[in-house]
Amino acid sequence: MPEPEVVPDKISNPINLYVIIGILAVGAAIYVAFQILPEEQTGMLAFVFSVGFAGGAAGFAFFVSKRAGIGVLSK
């Protein structure tokens, strides 16, 4: 399939630098929190982060699926 002459910048460069910086910042914040907190509290904090991020990702996926009208969850 030939490449079109004009490719929008949003499609040609799908990597958003701010998203990558945000992910790295959240990871660094979690790492620092695990180093600062006592060992007894880190287990519960890890559980809360795991459930929170998994739930957030599932909710975001559901929202995008419904908004775009594609995928298994759209009907």
PDB file of N, CA and C in Angstrom:
ATOM      1  N   MET A   1       0.850  -1.174   0.000  1.00  0.00           N
ATOM      2  CA  MET A   1       0.000   0.000   0.000  1.00  0.00           C
ATOM      3  C   MET A   1       0.894   1.235   0.000  1.00  0.00           C
ATOM      4  N   PRO A   2       0.717   2.122  -0.953  1.00  0.00           N
ATOM      5  CA  PRO A   2       1.586   3.308  -1.015  1.00  0.00           C
ATOM      6  C   PRO A   2       1.252   4.299   0.097  1.00  0.00           C
ATOM      7  N   GLU A   3       2.276   4.994   0.557  1.00  0.00           N
ATOM      8  CA  GLU A   3       2.085   5.998   1.600  1.00  0.00           C
ATOM      9  C   GLU A   3       1.541   7.276   0.968  1.00  0.00           C
ATOM     10  N   PRO A   4       0.530   7.897   1.588  1.00  0.00           N
ATOM     11  CA  PRO A   4      -0.013   9.131   1.016  1.00  0.00           C
ATOM     12  C   PRO A   4       1.026  10.254   1.057  1.00  0.00           C
ATOM     13  N   GLU A   5       0.826  11.227   0.173  1.00  0.00           N
ATOM     14  CA  GLU A   5       1.779  12.330   0.093  1.00  0.00           C
ATOM     15  C   GLU A   5       1.773  13.191   1.352  1.00  0.00           C
ATOM     16  N   VAL A   6       0.595  13.413   1.916  1.00  0.00           N
ATOM     17  CA  VAL A   6       0.480  14.242   3.113  1.00  0.00           C
ATOM     18  C   VAL A   6       0.046  13.347   4.268  1.00  0.00           C
ATOM     19  N   VAL A   7       0.900  13.253   5.283  1.00  0.00           N
ATOM     20  CA  VAL A   7       0.585  12.475   6.476  1.00  0.00           C
ATOM     21  C   VAL A   7       0.466  13.454   7.639  1.00  0.00           C
ATOM     22  N   PRO A   8      -0.702  13.511   8.299  1.00  0.00           N
ATOM     23  CA  PRO A   8      -0.837  14.431   9.426  1.00  0.00           C
ATOM     24  C   PRO A   8       0.199  14.122  10.506  1.00  0.00           C
ATOM     25  N   ASP A   9       0.661  15.175  11.166  1.00  0.00           N
ATOM     26  CA  ASP A   9       1.696  15.022  12.190  1.00  0.00           C
ATOM     27  C   ASP A   9       1.208  14.157  13.342  1.00  0.00           C
ATOM     28  N   LYS A  10      -0.079  14.239  13.656  1.00  0.00           N
ATOM     29  CA  LYS A  10      -0.628  13.453  14.761  1.00  0.00           C
ATOM     30  C   LYS A  10      -0.511  11.955  14.476  1.00  0.00           C
ATOM     31  N   ILE A  11      -0.631  11.556  13.228  1.00  0.00           N
ATOM     32  CA  ILE A  11      -0.516  10.149  12.864  1.00  0.00           C
ATOM     33  C   ILE A  11       0.941   9.753  12.677  1.00  0.00           C
ATOM     34  N   SER A  12       1.739  10.627  12.079  1.00  0.00           N
ATOM     35  CA  SER A  12       3.127  10.271  11.797  1.00  0.00           C
ATOM     36  C   SER A  12       3.968  10.173  13.056  1.00  0.00           C
ATOM     37  N   ASN A  13       3.601  10.886  14.133  1.00  0.00           N
ATOM     38  CA  ASN A  13       4.343  10.836  15.384  1.00  0.00           C
ATOM     39  C   ASN A  13       3.364  10.562  16.524  1.00  0.00           C
ATOM     40  N   PRO A  14       2.973   9.289  16.731  1.00  0.00           N
ATOM     41  CA  PRO A  14       1.948   8.988  17.725  1.00  0.00           C
ATOM     42  C   PRO A  14       2.444   9.034  19.169  1.00  0.00           C
ATOM     43  N   ILE A  15       3.756   9.192  19.394  1.00  0.00           N
ATOM     44  CA  ILE A  15       4.299   9.191  20.751  1.00  0.00           C
ATOM     45  C   ILE A  15       4.187  10.598  21.327  1.00  0.00           C
ATOM     46  N   ASN A  16       3.484  10.713  22.444  1.00  0.00           N
ATOM     47  CA  ASN A  16       3.319  11.996  23.112  1.00  0.00           C
ATOM     48  C   ASN A  16       4.345  12.082  24.239  1.00  0.00           C
ATOM     49  N   LEU A  17       5.228  13.058  24.167  1.00  0.00           N
ATOM     50  CA  LEU A  17       6.302  13.201  25.143  1.00  0.00           C
ATOM     51  C   LEU A  17       5.757  13.470  26.541  1.00  0.00           C
ATOM     52  N   TYR A  18       4.670  14.231  26.645  1.00  0.00           N
ATOM     53  CA  TYR A  18       4.099  14.535  27.954  1.00  0.00           C
ATOM     54  C   TYR A  18       3.542  13.288  28.637  1.00  0.00           C
ATOM     55  N   VAL A  19       3.000  12.381  27.875  1.00  0.00           N
ATOM     56  CA  VAL A  19       2.493  11.132  28.449  1.00  0.00           C
ATOM     57  C   VAL A  19       3.644  10.309  29.007  1.00  0.00           C
ATOM     58  N   ILE A  20       4.734  10.223  28.278  1.00  0.00           N
ATOM     59  CA  ILE A  20       5.896   9.462  28.742  1.00  0.00           C
ATOM     60  C   ILE A  20       6.476  10.096  29.999  1.00  0.00           C
ATOM     61  N   ILE A  21       6.595  11.421  30.019  1.00  0.00           N
ATOM     62  CA  ILE A  21       7.112  12.107  31.209  1.00  0.00           C
ATOM     63  C   ILE A  21       6.175  11.895  32.395  1.00  0.00           C
ATOM     64  N   GLY A  22       4.870  11.927  32.160  1.00  0.00           N
ATOM     65  CA  GLY A  22       3.904  11.686  33.231  1.00  0.00           C
ATOM     66  C   GLY A  22       4.011  10.287  33.806  1.00  0.00           C
ATOM     67  N   ILE A  23       4.170   9.294  32.946  1.00  0.00           N
ATOM     68  CA  ILE A  23       4.312   7.911  33.408  1.00  0.00           C
ATOM     69  C   ILE A  23       5.582   7.752  34.231  1.00  0.00           C
ATOM     70  N   LEU A  24       6.679   8.335  33.762  1.00  0.00           N
ATOM     71  CA  LEU A  24       7.933   8.261  34.515  1.00  0.00           C
ATOM     72  C   LEU A  24       7.825   8.983  35.858  1.00  0.00           C
ATOM     73  N   ALA A  25       7.123  10.110  35.896  1.00  0.00           N
ATOM     74  CA  ALA A  25       6.949  10.849  37.146  1.00  0.00           C
ATOM     75  C   ALA A  25       6.120  10.054  38.153  1.00  0.00           C
ATOM     76  N   VAL A  26       5.057   9.414  37.681  1.00  0.00           N
ATOM     77  CA  VAL A  26       4.238   8.590  38.579  1.00  0.00           C
ATOM     78  C   VAL A  26       5.054   7.415  39.107  1.00  0.00           C
ATOM     79  N   GLY A  27       5.835   6.786  38.242  1.00  0.00           N
ATOM     80  CA  GLY A  27       6.688   5.682  38.679  1.00  0.00           C
ATOM     81  C   GLY A  27       7.709   6.118  39.706  1.00  0.00           C
ATOM     82  N   ALA A  28       8.318   7.269  39.492  1.00  0.00           N
ATOM     83  CA  ALA A  28       9.296   7.783  40.456  1.00  0.00           C
ATOM     84  C   ALA A  28       8.626   8.127  41.782  1.00  0.00           C
ATOM     85  N   ALA A  29       7.420   8.694  41.733  1.00  0.00           N
ATOM     86  CA  ALA A  29       6.700   9.029  42.964  1.00  0.00           C
ATOM     87  C   ALA A  29       6.340   7.773  43.752  1.00  0.00           C
ATOM     88  N   ILE A  30       5.921   6.728  43.065  1.00  0.00           N
ATOM     89  CA  ILE A  30       5.607   5.469  43.745  1.00  0.00           C
ATOM     90  C   ILE A  30       6.863   4.878  44.367  1.00  0.00           C
ATOM     91  N   TYR A  31       7.975   4.917  43.648  1.00  0.00           N
ATOM     92  CA  TYR A  31       9.237   4.396  44.176  1.00  0.00           C
ATOM     93  C   TYR A  31       9.656   5.152  45.439  1.00  0.00           C
ATOM     94  N   VAL A  32       9.561   6.472  45.396  1.00  0.00           N
ATOM     95  CA  VAL A  32       9.931   7.275  46.564  1.00  0.00           C
ATOM     96  C   VAL A  32       8.998   6.977  47.729  1.00  0.00           C
ATOM     97  N   ALA A  33       7.705   6.824  47.457  1.00  0.00           N
ATOM     98  CA  ALA A  33       6.752   6.508  48.524  1.00  0.00           C
ATOM     99  C   ALA A  33       7.076   5.167  49.164  1.00  0.00           C
ATOM    100  N   PHE A  34       7.465   4.188  48.370  1.00  0.00           N
ATOM    101  CA  PHE A  34       7.821   2.882  48.928  1.00  0.00           C
ATOM    102  C   PHE A  34       9.098   2.951  49.754  1.00  0.00           C
ATOM    103  N   GLN A  35      10.003   3.836  49.411  1.00  0.00           N
ATOM    104  CA  GLN A  35      11.244   3.964  50.169  1.00  0.00           C
ATOM    105  C   GLN A  35      11.041   4.724  51.477  1.00  0.00           C
ATOM    106  N   ILE A  36      10.109   5.667  51.489  1.00  0.00           N
ATOM    107  CA  ILE A  36       9.896   6.502  52.673  1.00  0.00           C
ATOM    108  C   ILE A  36       9.021   5.802  53.710  1.00  0.00           C
ATOM    109  N   LEU A  37       7.966   5.146  53.270  1.00  0.00           N
ATOM    110  CA  LEU A  37       7.009   4.540  54.203  1.00  0.00           C
ATOM    111  C   LEU A  37       7.604   3.332  54.913  1.00  0.00           C
ATOM    112  N   PRO A  38       7.090   3.042  56.115  1.00  0.00           N
ATOM    113  CA  PRO A  38       7.532   1.822  56.809  1.00  0.00           C
ATOM    114  C   PRO A  38       7.119   0.571  56.034  1.00  0.00           C
ATOM    115  N   GLU A  39       7.825  -0.514  56.287  1.00  0.00           N
ATOM    116  CA  GLU A  39       7.606  -1.749  55.531  1.00  0.00           C
ATOM    117  C   GLU A  39       6.199  -2.306  55.724  1.00  0.00           C
ATOM    118  N   GLU A  40       5.593  -2.060  56.871  1.00  0.00           N
ATOM    119  CA  GLU A  40       4.250  -2.594  57.135  1.00  0.00           C
ATOM    120  C   GLU A  40       3.200  -1.950  56.227  1.00  0.00           C
ATOM    121  N   GLN A  41       3.409  -0.711  55.845  1.00  0.00           N
ATOM    122  CA  GLN A  41       2.414   0.002  55.046  1.00  0.00           C
ATOM    123  C   GLN A  41       2.608  -0.163  53.544  1.00  0.00           C
ATOM    124  N   THR A  42       3.760  -0.618  53.125  1.00  0.00           N
ATOM    125  CA  THR A  42       4.013  -0.695  51.685  1.00  0.00           C
ATOM    126  C   THR A  42       3.178  -1.771  51.003  1.00  0.00           C
ATOM    127  N   GLY A  43       2.866  -2.848  51.708  1.00  0.00           N
ATOM    128  CA  GLY A  43       2.039  -3.901  51.115  1.00  0.00           C
ATOM    129  C   GLY A  43       0.651  -3.395  50.757  1.00  0.00           C
ATOM    130  N   MET A  44       0.031  -2.675  51.684  1.00  0.00           N
ATOM    131  CA  MET A  44      -1.301  -2.132  51.427  1.00  0.00           C
ATOM    132  C   MET A  44      -1.247  -1.051  50.353  1.00  0.00           C
ATOM    133  N   LEU A  45      -0.200  -0.236  50.363  1.00  0.00           N
ATOM    134  CA  LEU A  45      -0.059   0.796  49.343  1.00  0.00           C
ATOM    135  C   LEU A  45       0.104   0.177  47.956  1.00  0.00           C
ATOM    136  N   ALA A  46       0.874  -0.891  47.862  1.00  0.00           N
ATOM    137  CA  ALA A  46       1.042  -1.576  46.579  1.00  0.00           C
ATOM    138  C   ALA A  46      -0.293  -2.139  46.093  1.00  0.00           C
ATOM    139  N   PHE A  47      -1.082  -2.696  47.011  1.00  0.00           N
ATOM    140  CA  PHE A  47      -2.395  -3.225  46.645  1.00  0.00           C
ATOM    141  C   PHE A  47      -3.315  -2.109  46.144  1.00  0.00           C
ATOM    142  N   VAL A  48      -3.316  -0.986  46.839  1.00  0.00           N
ATOM    143  CA  VAL A  48      -4.169   0.138  46.447  1.00  0.00           C
ATOM    144  C   VAL A  48      -3.761   0.665  45.074  1.00  0.00           C
ATOM    145  N   PHE A  49      -2.452   0.811  44.841  1.00  0.00           N
ATOM    146  CA  PHE A  49      -1.991   1.263  43.526  1.00  0.00           C
ATOM    147  C   PHE A  49      -2.372   0.260  42.438  1.00  0.00           C
ATOM    148  N   SER A  50      -2.221  -1.021  42.708  1.00  0.00           N
ATOM    149  CA  SER A  50      -2.536  -2.041  41.708  1.00  0.00           C
ATOM    150  C   SER A  50      -4.013  -2.003  41.331  1.00  0.00           C
ATOM    151  N   VAL A  51      -4.867  -1.981  42.331  1.00  0.00           N
ATOM    152  CA  VAL A  51      -6.306  -1.952  42.072  1.00  0.00           C
ATOM    153  C   VAL A  51      -6.704  -0.631  41.408  1.00  0.00           C
ATOM    154  N   GLY A  52      -6.122   0.461  41.868  1.00  0.00           N
ATOM    155  CA  GLY A  52      -6.453   1.766  41.299  1.00  0.00           C
ATOM    156  C   GLY A  52      -6.059   1.891  39.837  1.00  0.00           C
ATOM    157  N   PHE A  53      -4.835   1.478  39.515  1.00  0.00           N
ATOM    158  CA  PHE A  53      -4.386   1.581  38.128  1.00  0.00           C
ATOM    159  C   PHE A  53      -5.138   0.608  37.223  1.00  0.00           C
ATOM    160  N   ALA A  54      -5.400  -0.601  37.705  1.00  0.00           N
ATOM    161  CA  ALA A  54      -6.149  -1.567  36.894  1.00  0.00           C
ATOM    162  C   ALA A  54      -7.578  -1.074  36.658  1.00  0.00           C
ATOM    163  N   GLY A  55      -8.205  -0.558  37.698  1.00  0.00           N
ATOM    164  CA  GLY A  55      -9.557  -0.021  37.543  1.00  0.00           C
ATOM    165  C   GLY A  55      -9.591   1.195  36.635  1.00  0.00           C
ATOM    166  N   GLY A  56      -8.594   2.053  36.761  1.00  0.00           N
ATOM    167  CA  GLY A  56      -8.515   3.226  35.894  1.00  0.00           C
ATOM    168  C   GLY A  56      -8.322   2.846  34.437  1.00  0.00           C
ATOM    169  N   ALA A  57      -7.464   1.872  34.189  1.00  0.00           N
ATOM    170  CA  ALA A  57      -7.228   1.421  32.813  1.00  0.00           C
ATOM    171  C   ALA A  57      -8.489   0.781  32.234  1.00  0.00           C
ATOM    172  N   ALA A  58      -9.187  -0.018  33.045  1.00  0.00           N
ATOM    173  CA  ALA A  58     -10.419  -0.647  32.572  1.00  0.00           C
ATOM    174  C   ALA A  58     -11.493   0.404  32.286  1.00  0.00           C
ATOM    175  N   GLY A  59     -11.627   1.373  33.171  1.00  0.00           N
ATOM    176  CA  GLY A  59     -12.599   2.440  32.954  1.00  0.00           C
ATOM    177  C   GLY A  59     -12.280   3.270  31.724  1.00  0.00           C
ATOM    178  N   PHE A  60     -11.002   3.591  31.537  1.00  0.00           N
ATOM    179  CA  PHE A  60     -10.585   4.359  30.365  1.00  0.00           C
ATOM    180  C   PHE A  60     -10.834   3.567  29.087  1.00  0.00           C
ATOM    181  N   ALA A  61     -10.537   2.269  29.105  1.00  0.00           N
ATOM    182  CA  ALA A  61     -10.770   1.433  27.926  1.00  0.00           C
ATOM    183  C   ALA A  61     -12.263   1.365  27.596  1.00  0.00           C
ATOM    184  N   PHE A  62     -13.096   1.240  28.617  1.00  0.00           N
ATOM    185  CA  PHE A  62     -14.537   1.205  28.400  1.00  0.00           C
ATOM    186  C   PHE A  62     -15.025   2.531  27.812  1.00  0.00           C
ATOM    187  N   PHE A  63     -14.533   3.644  28.354  1.00  0.00           N
ATOM    188  CA  PHE A  63     -14.917   4.967  27.865  1.00  0.00           C
ATOM    189  C   PHE A  63     -14.515   5.161  26.405  1.00  0.00           C
ATOM    190  N   VAL A  64     -13.289   4.803  26.071  1.00  0.00           N
ATOM    191  CA  VAL A  64     -12.809   4.959  24.698  1.00  0.00           C
ATOM    192  C   VAL A  64     -13.581   4.050  23.758  1.00  0.00           C
ATOM    193  N   SER A  65     -13.871   2.831  24.200  1.00  0.00           N
ATOM    194  CA  SER A  65     -14.617   1.896  23.371  1.00  0.00           C
ATOM    195  C   SER A  65     -16.024   2.423  23.075  1.00  0.00           C
ATOM    196  N   LYS A  66     -16.693   2.941  24.087  1.00  0.00           N
ATOM    197  CA  LYS A  66     -18.043   3.467  23.884  1.00  0.00           C
ATOM    198  C   LYS A  66     -18.026   4.732  23.031  1.00  0.00           C
ATOM    199  N   ARG A  67     -17.036   5.570  23.238  1.00  0.00           N
ATOM    200  CA  ARG A  67     -16.962   6.829  22.498  1.00  0.00           C
ATOM    201  C   ARG A  67     -16.640   6.598  21.028  1.00  0.00           C
ATOM    202  N   ALA A  68     -15.734   5.667  20.753  1.00  0.00           N
ATOM    203  CA  ALA A  68     -15.336   5.406  19.375  1.00  0.00           C
ATOM    204  C   ALA A  68     -16.357   4.541  18.643  1.00  0.00           C
ATOM    205  N   GLY A  69     -17.164   3.795  19.391  1.00  0.00           N
ATOM    206  CA  GLY A  69     -18.161   2.943  18.758  1.00  0.00           C
ATOM    207  C   GLY A  69     -17.576   1.705  18.118  1.00  0.00           C
ATOM    208  N   ILE A  70     -16.423   1.279  18.588  1.00  0.00           N
ATOM    209  CA  ILE A  70     -15.793   0.074  18.056  1.00  0.00           C
ATOM    210  C   ILE A  70     -15.480  -0.865  19.199  1.00  0.00           C
ATOM    211  N   GLY A  71     -15.185  -2.094  18.866  1.00  0.00           N
ATOM    212  CA  GLY A  71     -14.753  -3.047  19.878  1.00  0.00           C
ATOM    213  C   GLY A  71     -15.883  -3.864  20.440  1.00  0.00           C
ATOM    214  N   VAL A  72     -15.555  -4.733  21.342  1.00  0.00           N
ATOM    215  CA  VAL A  72     -16.505  -5.675  21.921  1.00  0.00           C
ATOM    216  C   VAL A  72     -17.508  -4.966  22.817  1.00  0.00           C
ATOM    217  N   LEU A  73     -17.072  -3.956  23.557  1.00  0.00           N
ATOM    218  CA  LEU A  73     -17.942  -3.313  24.532  1.00  0.00           C
ATOM    219  C   LEU A  73     -18.838  -2.235  23.941  1.00  0.00           C
ATOM    220  N   SER A  74     -18.780  -1.996  22.647  1.00  0.00           N
ATOM    221  CA  SER A  74     -19.523  -0.883  22.069  1.00  0.00           C
ATOM    222  C   SER A  74     -20.993  -1.184  21.822  1.00  0.00           C
ATOM    223  N   LYS A  75     -21.390  -2.442  21.777  1.00  0.00           N
ATOM    224  CA  LYS A  75     -22.780  -2.761  21.440  1.00  0.00           C
ATOM    225  C   LYS A  75     -23.621  -3.030  22.646  1.00  0.00           C
TER     226      LYS A  75
END
